[in-house]
Amino acid sequence: MSPVTGDAFLWISIVKILVVFGGLLGLIAFWTLVERRVCGFIQNRLGPNRVGPQGLFQPVADGLKNFFKEETLPPFSDRFLFVLAPMLAFTPALITFAVVPFASPLETPWGLVHSAIADLPVGFLYILAIGSLGVYGVVLAGWSSNNKYSLLGGLRGSAQLISYEVSMGLSAVAVLVLAGNITLNDIVERQQHSLWFVLPLFVAFVTFLIASFAETNRLPFDLPEAEAELIAGYHTEYSAMKFSMFYIAEYSNMVTASALMVTLFFGGWDIPFTAWDNTPPYTVWKFVATFAAFWAKVLFFMFTYIWVRWTLPRFRFDQLMDLGWKVLLPVALAFVMVVAVAVWALEAAGLTFGLGYALVLTAVNVVLGVLLFKVLDANRVIGGSGARQRDRWREQAKAVRGAA
């Protein structure tokens, strides 16, 4: 079936925009409640449970509160940029999701309708380009507030986003080398006919995952708004809905980063262990099933953001920069070279892309993973201070036994 065209395309696009962005804002509102309840569980307390049954109306109460709170404007601030900054953070965070395919296509009387709002042939480049605009909102919020804490938060945010964007882009280049395309639908289709790319590109996935935490300003990388050092960082002077726009932008970036990880490494809307969803006819039931599969994966990664936030301590800023430039960037760059050589060697050997092709790359990644995380790391990063202390205790115990 050919794609929908003409007036039907226009009206269907309008419906998709309203449904997707409305649903996205609803998910963000609900996820603030989920995070607070999970936080309460981890800290052995209840969390919000007073507004509505089990606190379900707490996001509505928070939204109404922010609508009716006083809008403050600091004296001596740059008023135009102070008002503009939340919009620059909020808008790119929402519209980056426009190219993500979140379900299988749907056959309609007017033609084939793709789930993404805009099925662009350069979808991945669109996400990188639009997603990078969010740094302007952060740095302008810090600078326009005429507050030294805000300025430091803005500078930290810009340095962090620029540093980790390089590593994130390079880790995704490995996906593009293996997929041979930058269209997100084609990347999903490529994984449907072999293995999910998390296995043959495991090192790239780990790099992308770590960089996504820094890109979304989430713990342990929330240095731009570290409350113990900078009050609230770049949005210290903001209140009411202008503050809420930064908050919504953070959660929107979480959704987009999770959706991108699912699309690039976990098969997108592909349902595992079945080929039923990969071929026509694309019925309503197939659309619903793939929609559920996609969002189940996305919600898992969004829960991971919450889990990590309330489990790990915050990095120091020098550690953050060292990890980005001295660890992730060299690893991502070297891995792209390894993948390129491996793909060239497999094609030179006459092996076409498929399950066997992906299994060979998976074996290469197992070797690289052991080399990277066990041999080169040697408990310096992954094991942490606890592993080093355990090693010292073992050495002391050996010394005592030897002296005895």
Protein backbone atom coordinates (compact mmCIF):
# COMPACT_ATOMS: atom_id res chain seq x y z
CA MET A 1 0.00 0.00 0.00
CA SER A 2 1.33 3.46 -0.94
CA PRO A 3 1.76 6.17 1.73
CA VAL A 4 -1.09 8.62 2.32
CA THR A 5 -0.93 11.86 0.28
CA GLY A 6 -2.86 15.06 -0.39
CA ASP A 7 -5.39 16.57 2.01
CA ALA A 8 -5.63 13.31 3.93
CA PHE A 9 -1.90 13.58 4.74
CA LEU A 10 -2.42 17.10 6.12
CA TRP A 11 -5.35 16.15 8.35
CA ILE A 12 -3.72 12.95 9.57
CA SER A 13 -0.55 14.91 10.41
CA ILE A 14 -2.58 17.41 12.45
CA VAL A 15 -4.24 14.56 14.36
CA LYS A 16 -0.86 12.91 15.00
CA ILE A 17 0.59 16.19 16.31
CA LEU A 18 -2.28 16.71 18.73
CA VAL A 19 -2.33 13.10 19.94
CA VAL A 20 1.45 12.61 20.24
CA PHE A 21 2.30 15.90 21.93
CA GLY A 22 -0.81 15.76 24.13
CA GLY A 23 0.07 12.22 25.16
CA LEU A 24 3.70 13.22 25.72
CA LEU A 25 2.73 16.05 28.08
CA GLY A 26 0.34 13.71 29.90
CA LEU A 27 3.09 11.09 30.30
CA ILE A 28 5.49 13.74 31.63
CA ALA A 29 2.94 14.92 34.20
CA PHE A 30 2.22 11.36 35.32
CA TRP A 31 5.92 10.44 35.44
CA THR A 32 6.63 13.18 37.99
CA LEU A 33 4.27 11.29 40.31
CA VAL A 34 5.94 7.96 39.47
CA GLU A 35 9.36 9.39 40.28
CA ARG A 36 8.19 10.77 43.62
CA ARG A 37 6.53 7.48 44.59
CA VAL A 38 9.58 5.41 43.54
CA CYS A 39 11.81 7.85 45.43
CA GLY A 40 9.62 7.37 48.50
CA PHE A 41 9.86 3.58 48.17
CA ILE A 42 13.65 3.67 47.87
CA GLN A 43 13.91 5.99 50.91
CA ASN A 44 11.41 3.90 52.92
CA ARG A 45 8.60 6.48 52.96
CA LEU A 46 5.25 6.87 51.19
CA GLY A 47 5.64 9.80 48.81
CA PRO A 48 2.64 11.92 47.70
CA ASN A 49 -0.62 10.08 48.44
CA ARG A 50 -3.09 12.78 49.57
CA VAL A 51 -4.47 14.33 46.37
CA GLY A 52 -6.88 11.81 44.88
CA PRO A 53 -6.73 8.02 45.27
CA GLN A 54 -3.12 7.07 46.03
CA GLY A 55 -2.05 10.59 45.02
CA LEU A 56 -3.04 10.18 41.34
CA PHE A 57 -4.19 13.80 41.08
CA GLN A 58 -0.93 15.20 42.46
CA PRO A 59 0.34 16.22 38.97
CA VAL A 60 -2.91 18.17 38.43
CA ALA A 61 -2.43 19.95 41.77
CA ASP A 62 1.19 20.77 40.91
CA GLY A 63 0.17 22.15 37.51
CA LEU A 64 -2.55 24.37 39.00
CA LYS A 65 -0.15 25.57 41.69
CA ASN A 66 2.42 26.63 39.09
CA PHE A 67 -0.21 28.38 36.98
CA PHE A 68 -1.29 30.54 39.91
CA LYS A 69 2.07 31.19 41.55
CA GLU A 70 3.61 34.64 41.31
CA GLU A 71 5.89 35.19 38.31
CA THR A 72 9.10 36.78 39.57
CA LEU A 73 11.48 38.88 37.49
CA PRO A 74 14.83 39.63 39.15
CA PRO A 75 16.01 43.25 39.08
CA PHE A 76 18.92 44.02 36.76
CA SER A 77 18.26 40.86 34.71
CA ASP A 78 18.01 40.83 30.93
CA ARG A 79 14.22 40.64 30.75
CA PHE A 80 13.91 39.52 27.13
CA LEU A 81 16.42 36.67 27.42
CA PHE A 82 15.13 35.74 30.89
CA VAL A 83 11.68 35.10 29.42
CA LEU A 84 13.03 33.55 26.21
CA ALA A 85 15.33 30.99 27.90
CA PRO A 86 12.59 28.62 29.20
CA MET A 87 11.03 28.57 25.72
CA LEU A 88 14.38 27.67 24.16
CA ALA A 89 14.73 24.78 26.59
CA PHE A 90 11.10 23.63 26.34
CA THR A 91 10.47 23.72 22.58
CA PRO A 92 13.42 21.62 21.27
CA ALA A 93 12.81 19.06 24.03
CA LEU A 94 9.28 18.45 22.74
CA ILE A 95 9.76 18.58 18.97
CA THR A 96 12.72 16.18 18.88
CA PHE A 97 10.26 13.32 19.40
CA ALA A 98 8.52 14.15 16.10
CA VAL A 99 10.66 11.75 14.01
CA VAL A 100 10.62 8.74 16.34
CA PRO A 101 8.56 5.77 15.00
CA PHE A 102 6.67 4.43 18.02
CA ALA A 103 4.58 1.70 16.35
CA SER A 104 4.22 -0.21 13.09
CA PRO A 105 2.62 1.54 10.10
CA LEU A 106 -1.17 1.50 9.90
CA GLU A 107 -3.16 0.71 6.76
CA THR A 108 -6.08 3.13 6.32
CA PRO A 109 -8.57 3.82 3.50
CA TRP A 110 -6.41 6.81 2.50
CA GLY A 111 -3.11 4.92 2.39
CA LEU A 112 -0.30 3.72 4.64
CA VAL A 113 0.22 5.95 7.71
CA HIS A 114 3.57 5.89 9.53
CA SER A 115 3.50 6.34 13.31
CA ALA A 116 6.12 9.09 13.41
CA ILE A 117 4.76 12.60 12.98
CA ALA A 118 7.45 13.35 10.38
CA ASP A 119 9.01 10.29 8.72
CA LEU A 120 12.16 12.15 7.66
CA PRO A 121 14.92 10.40 5.68
CA VAL A 122 17.42 12.16 7.98
CA GLY A 123 15.55 11.45 11.22
CA PHE A 124 18.60 10.69 13.34
CA LEU A 125 20.42 13.84 12.20
CA TYR A 126 17.25 15.83 12.99
CA ILE A 127 17.31 14.57 16.59
CA LEU A 128 20.98 15.47 17.03
CA ALA A 129 20.50 18.91 15.48
CA ILE A 130 17.32 19.92 17.34
CA GLY A 131 18.39 18.28 20.60
CA SER A 132 21.58 20.33 20.68
CA LEU A 133 19.55 23.58 20.70
CA GLY A 134 18.50 22.96 24.30
CA VAL A 135 21.91 24.15 25.51
CA TYR A 136 20.98 27.70 24.49
CA GLY A 137 18.07 27.71 26.93
CA VAL A 138 20.36 26.55 29.76
CA VAL A 139 23.17 29.02 29.15
CA LEU A 140 20.84 31.97 28.50
CA ALA A 141 18.86 31.21 31.67
CA GLY A 142 22.09 31.34 33.66
CA TRP A 143 23.43 34.47 32.01
CA SER A 144 20.22 36.53 31.89
CA SER A 145 19.40 35.99 35.59
CA ASN A 146 22.27 38.26 36.72
CA ASN A 147 23.01 35.74 39.45
CA LYS A 148 26.45 34.21 39.95
CA TYR A 149 25.07 30.81 40.98
CA SER A 150 22.83 30.76 37.91
CA LEU A 151 25.74 31.77 35.68
CA LEU A 152 27.91 28.96 37.04
CA GLY A 153 25.05 26.50 36.46
CA GLY A 154 24.61 27.73 32.89
CA LEU A 155 28.35 27.40 32.17
CA ARG A 156 28.41 23.93 33.67
CA GLY A 157 25.37 22.93 31.63
CA SER A 158 26.80 24.17 28.34
CA ALA A 159 30.17 22.47 28.96
CA GLN A 160 28.48 19.21 29.96
CA LEU A 161 26.02 19.11 27.06
CA ILE A 162 28.66 19.91 24.45
CA SER A 163 31.15 17.38 25.90
CA TYR A 164 28.79 14.43 26.07
CA GLU A 165 27.02 15.22 22.80
CA VAL A 166 30.24 14.32 21.00
CA SER A 167 30.43 10.92 22.68
CA MET A 168 26.73 10.29 22.11
CA GLY A 169 27.03 11.14 18.41
CA LEU A 170 30.08 8.92 17.94
CA SER A 171 28.46 5.97 19.70
CA ALA A 172 25.47 6.34 17.37
CA VAL A 173 27.77 6.41 14.32
CA ALA A 174 28.46 2.72 14.98
CA VAL A 175 24.72 2.09 14.61
CA LEU A 176 24.66 3.97 11.33
CA VAL A 177 27.66 1.97 10.03
CA LEU A 178 25.89 -1.30 10.80
CA ALA A 179 22.46 -0.17 9.58
CA GLY A 180 23.77 1.54 6.46
CA ASN A 181 21.09 4.23 6.80
CA ILE A 182 20.16 7.21 8.98
CA THR A 183 16.39 6.77 8.66
CA LEU A 184 15.00 5.52 11.97
CA ASN A 185 12.42 3.25 10.31
CA ASP A 186 15.18 1.57 8.31
CA ILE A 187 17.29 1.10 11.46
CA VAL A 188 14.34 -0.63 13.13
CA GLU A 189 13.79 -2.82 10.06
CA ARG A 190 17.46 -3.79 10.02
CA GLN A 191 17.22 -5.05 13.59
CA GLN A 192 14.06 -7.02 12.81
CA HIS A 193 15.97 -9.17 10.33
CA SER A 194 18.95 -9.98 12.57
CA LEU A 195 19.56 -9.15 16.24
CA TRP A 196 18.79 -6.06 18.24
CA PHE A 197 21.87 -3.85 17.98
CA VAL A 198 22.42 -3.90 21.76
CA LEU A 199 24.24 -7.23 21.27
CA PRO A 200 26.48 -6.58 18.23
CA LEU A 201 27.06 -2.97 19.41
CA PHE A 202 27.11 -3.42 23.18
CA VAL A 203 30.03 -1.04 23.79
CA ALA A 204 28.28 1.68 21.79
CA PHE A 205 25.11 1.13 23.83
CA VAL A 206 26.95 1.55 27.14
CA THR A 207 28.60 4.73 25.88
CA PHE A 208 25.27 6.06 24.60
CA LEU A 209 23.53 5.24 27.90
CA ILE A 210 26.11 7.07 30.01
CA ALA A 211 26.11 10.07 27.67
CA SER A 212 22.30 10.23 27.76
CA PHE A 213 22.39 10.68 31.55
CA ALA A 214 24.69 13.66 31.09
CA GLU A 215 22.63 15.04 28.19
CA THR A 216 19.46 15.02 30.29
CA ASN A 217 21.15 16.58 33.36
CA ARG A 218 20.12 13.65 35.55
CA LEU A 219 22.02 12.26 38.51
CA PRO A 220 24.85 11.41 38.77
CA PHE A 221 25.45 14.18 36.20
CA ASP A 222 23.13 16.95 37.42
CA LEU A 223 25.99 19.36 38.12
CA PRO A 224 24.29 22.37 36.38
CA GLU A 225 21.62 22.40 39.13
CA ALA A 226 23.53 20.92 42.08
CA GLU A 227 21.54 22.20 45.04
CA ALA A 228 24.38 21.67 47.53
CA GLU A 229 26.63 24.01 45.52
CA LEU A 230 24.51 26.28 43.31
CA ILE A 231 21.11 26.57 45.10
CA ALA A 232 19.23 25.41 41.99
CA GLY A 233 21.74 26.22 39.26
CA TYR A 234 20.67 27.92 36.07
CA HIS A 235 16.97 28.14 37.06
CA THR A 236 17.54 29.55 40.57
CA GLU A 237 15.69 32.79 39.77
CA TYR A 238 12.75 31.16 37.98
CA SER A 239 9.32 30.47 39.44
CA ALA A 240 5.80 29.42 38.44
CA MET A 241 5.34 28.29 34.82
CA LYS A 242 8.76 29.46 33.65
CA PHE A 243 10.32 27.05 36.15
CA SER A 244 7.86 24.35 35.07
CA MET A 245 9.01 24.71 31.47
CA PHE A 246 12.54 23.71 32.51
CA TYR A 247 11.09 20.80 34.48
CA ILE A 248 8.99 19.65 31.51
CA ALA A 249 12.03 19.99 29.23
CA GLU A 250 14.05 17.68 31.49
CA TYR A 251 11.39 14.99 31.44
CA SER A 252 10.83 15.44 27.69
CA ASN A 253 14.53 14.86 27.16
CA MET A 254 14.25 11.70 29.26
CA VAL A 255 11.44 10.43 27.03
CA THR A 256 13.31 11.28 23.82
CA ALA A 257 16.62 9.78 25.03
CA SER A 258 14.82 6.59 26.15
CA ALA A 259 12.95 6.37 22.84
CA LEU A 260 16.18 6.87 20.91
CA MET A 261 17.94 4.11 22.88
CA VAL A 262 15.02 1.79 22.19
CA THR A 263 15.02 2.66 18.47
CA LEU A 264 18.78 2.39 17.95
CA PHE A 265 19.60 -0.59 20.15
CA PHE A 266 16.43 -2.47 21.18
CA GLY A 267 14.57 -2.90 17.91
CA GLY A 268 12.22 0.07 18.27
CA TRP A 269 8.64 -1.16 18.04
CA ASP A 270 9.75 -4.70 17.16
CA ILE A 271 8.15 -7.42 19.30
CA PRO A 272 10.86 -9.95 20.27
CA PHE A 273 10.80 -13.62 19.27
CA THR A 274 8.19 -13.19 16.54
CA ALA A 275 8.10 -12.01 12.92
CA TRP A 276 4.33 -11.41 12.96
CA ASP A 277 4.75 -7.66 13.43
CA ASN A 278 7.33 -7.19 10.67
CA THR A 279 5.26 -7.89 7.57
CA PRO A 280 2.00 -6.64 5.99
CA PRO A 281 -0.90 -6.41 6.41
CA TYR A 282 -0.46 -3.70 9.04
CA THR A 283 -3.72 -3.98 10.94
CA VAL A 284 -5.04 -2.06 13.93
CA TRP A 285 -4.16 -4.94 16.28
CA LYS A 286 -0.61 -5.00 14.96
CA PHE A 287 -0.38 -1.24 15.51
CA VAL A 288 -1.63 -1.57 19.10
CA ALA A 289 0.71 -4.49 19.90
CA THR A 290 3.82 -2.75 18.54
CA PHE A 291 2.77 0.49 20.26
CA ALA A 292 2.61 -1.36 23.58
CA ALA A 293 5.97 -3.07 22.96
CA PHE A 294 7.69 0.22 22.15
CA TRP A 295 6.38 2.07 25.19
CA ALA A 296 7.12 -0.85 27.52
CA LYS A 297 10.78 -0.56 26.51
CA VAL A 298 10.74 3.25 26.84
CA LEU A 299 9.17 3.12 30.30
CA PHE A 300 11.84 0.64 31.40
CA PHE A 301 14.59 3.13 30.53
CA MET A 302 12.67 6.00 32.10
CA PHE A 303 12.45 3.92 35.27
CA THR A 304 16.22 3.36 34.98
CA TYR A 305 16.72 7.14 35.08
CA ILE A 306 14.74 7.27 38.34
CA TRP A 307 16.51 4.24 39.78
CA VAL A 308 19.97 5.67 39.11
CA ARG A 309 18.99 9.13 40.40
CA TRP A 310 18.01 7.85 43.83
CA THR A 311 20.85 5.32 44.06
CA LEU A 312 24.12 6.96 42.99
CA PRO A 313 25.84 10.05 44.43
CA ARG A 314 26.68 13.09 42.33
CA PHE A 315 30.02 13.32 40.51
CA ARG A 316 32.42 16.18 41.03
CA PHE A 317 32.59 18.44 38.00
CA ASP A 318 36.21 17.56 37.22
CA GLN A 319 35.26 13.86 37.31
CA LEU A 320 32.39 14.59 34.92
CA MET A 321 34.68 16.29 32.41
CA ASP A 322 37.37 13.60 32.76
CA LEU A 323 34.84 10.85 32.09
CA GLY A 324 33.51 12.64 29.01
CA TRP A 325 36.77 13.64 27.34
CA LYS A 326 39.29 11.07 28.63
CA VAL A 327 37.13 7.93 28.72
CA LEU A 328 33.90 8.05 26.71
CA LEU A 329 35.25 10.01 23.72
CA PRO A 330 38.30 7.75 23.09
CA VAL A 331 36.20 4.62 23.67
CA ALA A 332 33.46 5.77 21.26
CA LEU A 333 35.98 6.81 18.60
CA ALA A 334 37.97 3.57 18.86
CA PHE A 335 34.79 1.50 18.75
CA VAL A 336 33.63 3.18 15.54
CA MET A 337 36.94 2.24 13.95
CA VAL A 338 36.65 -1.36 15.19
CA VAL A 339 33.09 -1.69 13.86
CA ALA A 340 34.07 -0.19 10.49
CA VAL A 341 36.98 -2.65 10.13
CA ALA A 342 34.80 -5.58 11.25
CA VAL A 343 32.04 -4.71 8.76
CA TRP A 344 34.59 -4.34 5.97
CA ALA A 345 36.16 -7.71 6.84
CA LEU A 346 32.80 -9.50 6.99
CA GLU A 347 31.71 -8.08 3.64
CA ALA A 348 35.09 -8.89 2.11
CA ALA A 349 34.59 -12.47 3.32
CA GLY A 350 31.28 -12.58 1.43
CA LEU A 351 29.05 -12.64 4.52
CA THR A 352 25.82 -10.71 4.00
CA PHE A 353 23.93 -8.94 6.78
CA GLY A 354 21.81 -11.30 8.82
CA LEU A 355 21.81 -13.39 11.97
CA GLY A 356 25.28 -14.90 11.42
CA TYR A 357 26.70 -11.46 10.62
CA ALA A 358 25.28 -10.06 13.86
CA LEU A 359 26.51 -13.03 15.93
CA VAL A 360 30.09 -12.48 14.73
CA LEU A 361 29.88 -8.83 15.78
CA THR A 362 28.39 -9.92 19.12
CA ALA A 363 31.41 -12.14 19.73
CA VAL A 364 33.69 -9.19 18.92
CA ASN A 365 31.77 -7.06 21.45
CA VAL A 366 32.08 -9.73 24.14
CA VAL A 367 35.86 -9.62 23.73
CA LEU A 368 35.88 -5.81 23.69
CA GLY A 369 33.58 -5.66 26.72
CA VAL A 370 35.84 -7.95 28.77
CA LEU A 371 38.91 -5.99 27.66
CA LEU A 372 37.32 -2.62 28.42
CA PHE A 373 35.40 -3.29 31.64
CA LYS A 374 37.64 -5.91 33.27
CA VAL A 375 41.21 -5.55 32.04
CA LEU A 376 41.58 -1.84 31.26
CA ASP A 377 39.26 -0.65 34.03
CA ALA A 378 40.84 -2.88 36.71
CA ASN A 379 38.21 -1.79 39.26
CA ARG A 380 39.16 1.89 38.96
CA VAL A 381 35.75 3.05 37.70
CA ILE A 382 33.29 0.15 37.86
CA GLY A 383 34.48 -1.34 41.13
CA GLY A 384 35.02 2.06 42.74
CA SER A 385 36.60 2.80 46.10
CA GLY A 386 34.93 -0.23 47.70
CA ALA A 387 36.75 -2.62 45.37
CA ARG A 388 40.07 -0.85 46.01
CA GLN A 389 39.51 -1.05 49.77
CA ARG A 390 38.70 -4.76 49.47
CA ASP A 391 41.97 -5.30 47.57
CA ARG A 392 43.89 -3.47 50.30
CA TRP A 393 42.27 -5.64 52.98
CA ARG A 394 43.25 -8.77 51.08
CA GLU A 395 46.85 -7.58 50.82
CA GLN A 396 46.92 -6.77 54.54
CA ALA A 397 45.46 -10.22 55.35
CA LYS A 398 48.14 -11.89 53.21
CA ALA A 399 50.82 -9.84 54.94
CA VAL A 400 49.51 -10.87 58.38
CA ARG A 401 49.39 -14.54 57.39
CA GLY A 402 52.91 -14.30 55.96
CA ALA A 403 54.24 -12.68 59.13
CA ALA A 404 52.59 -15.40 61.21
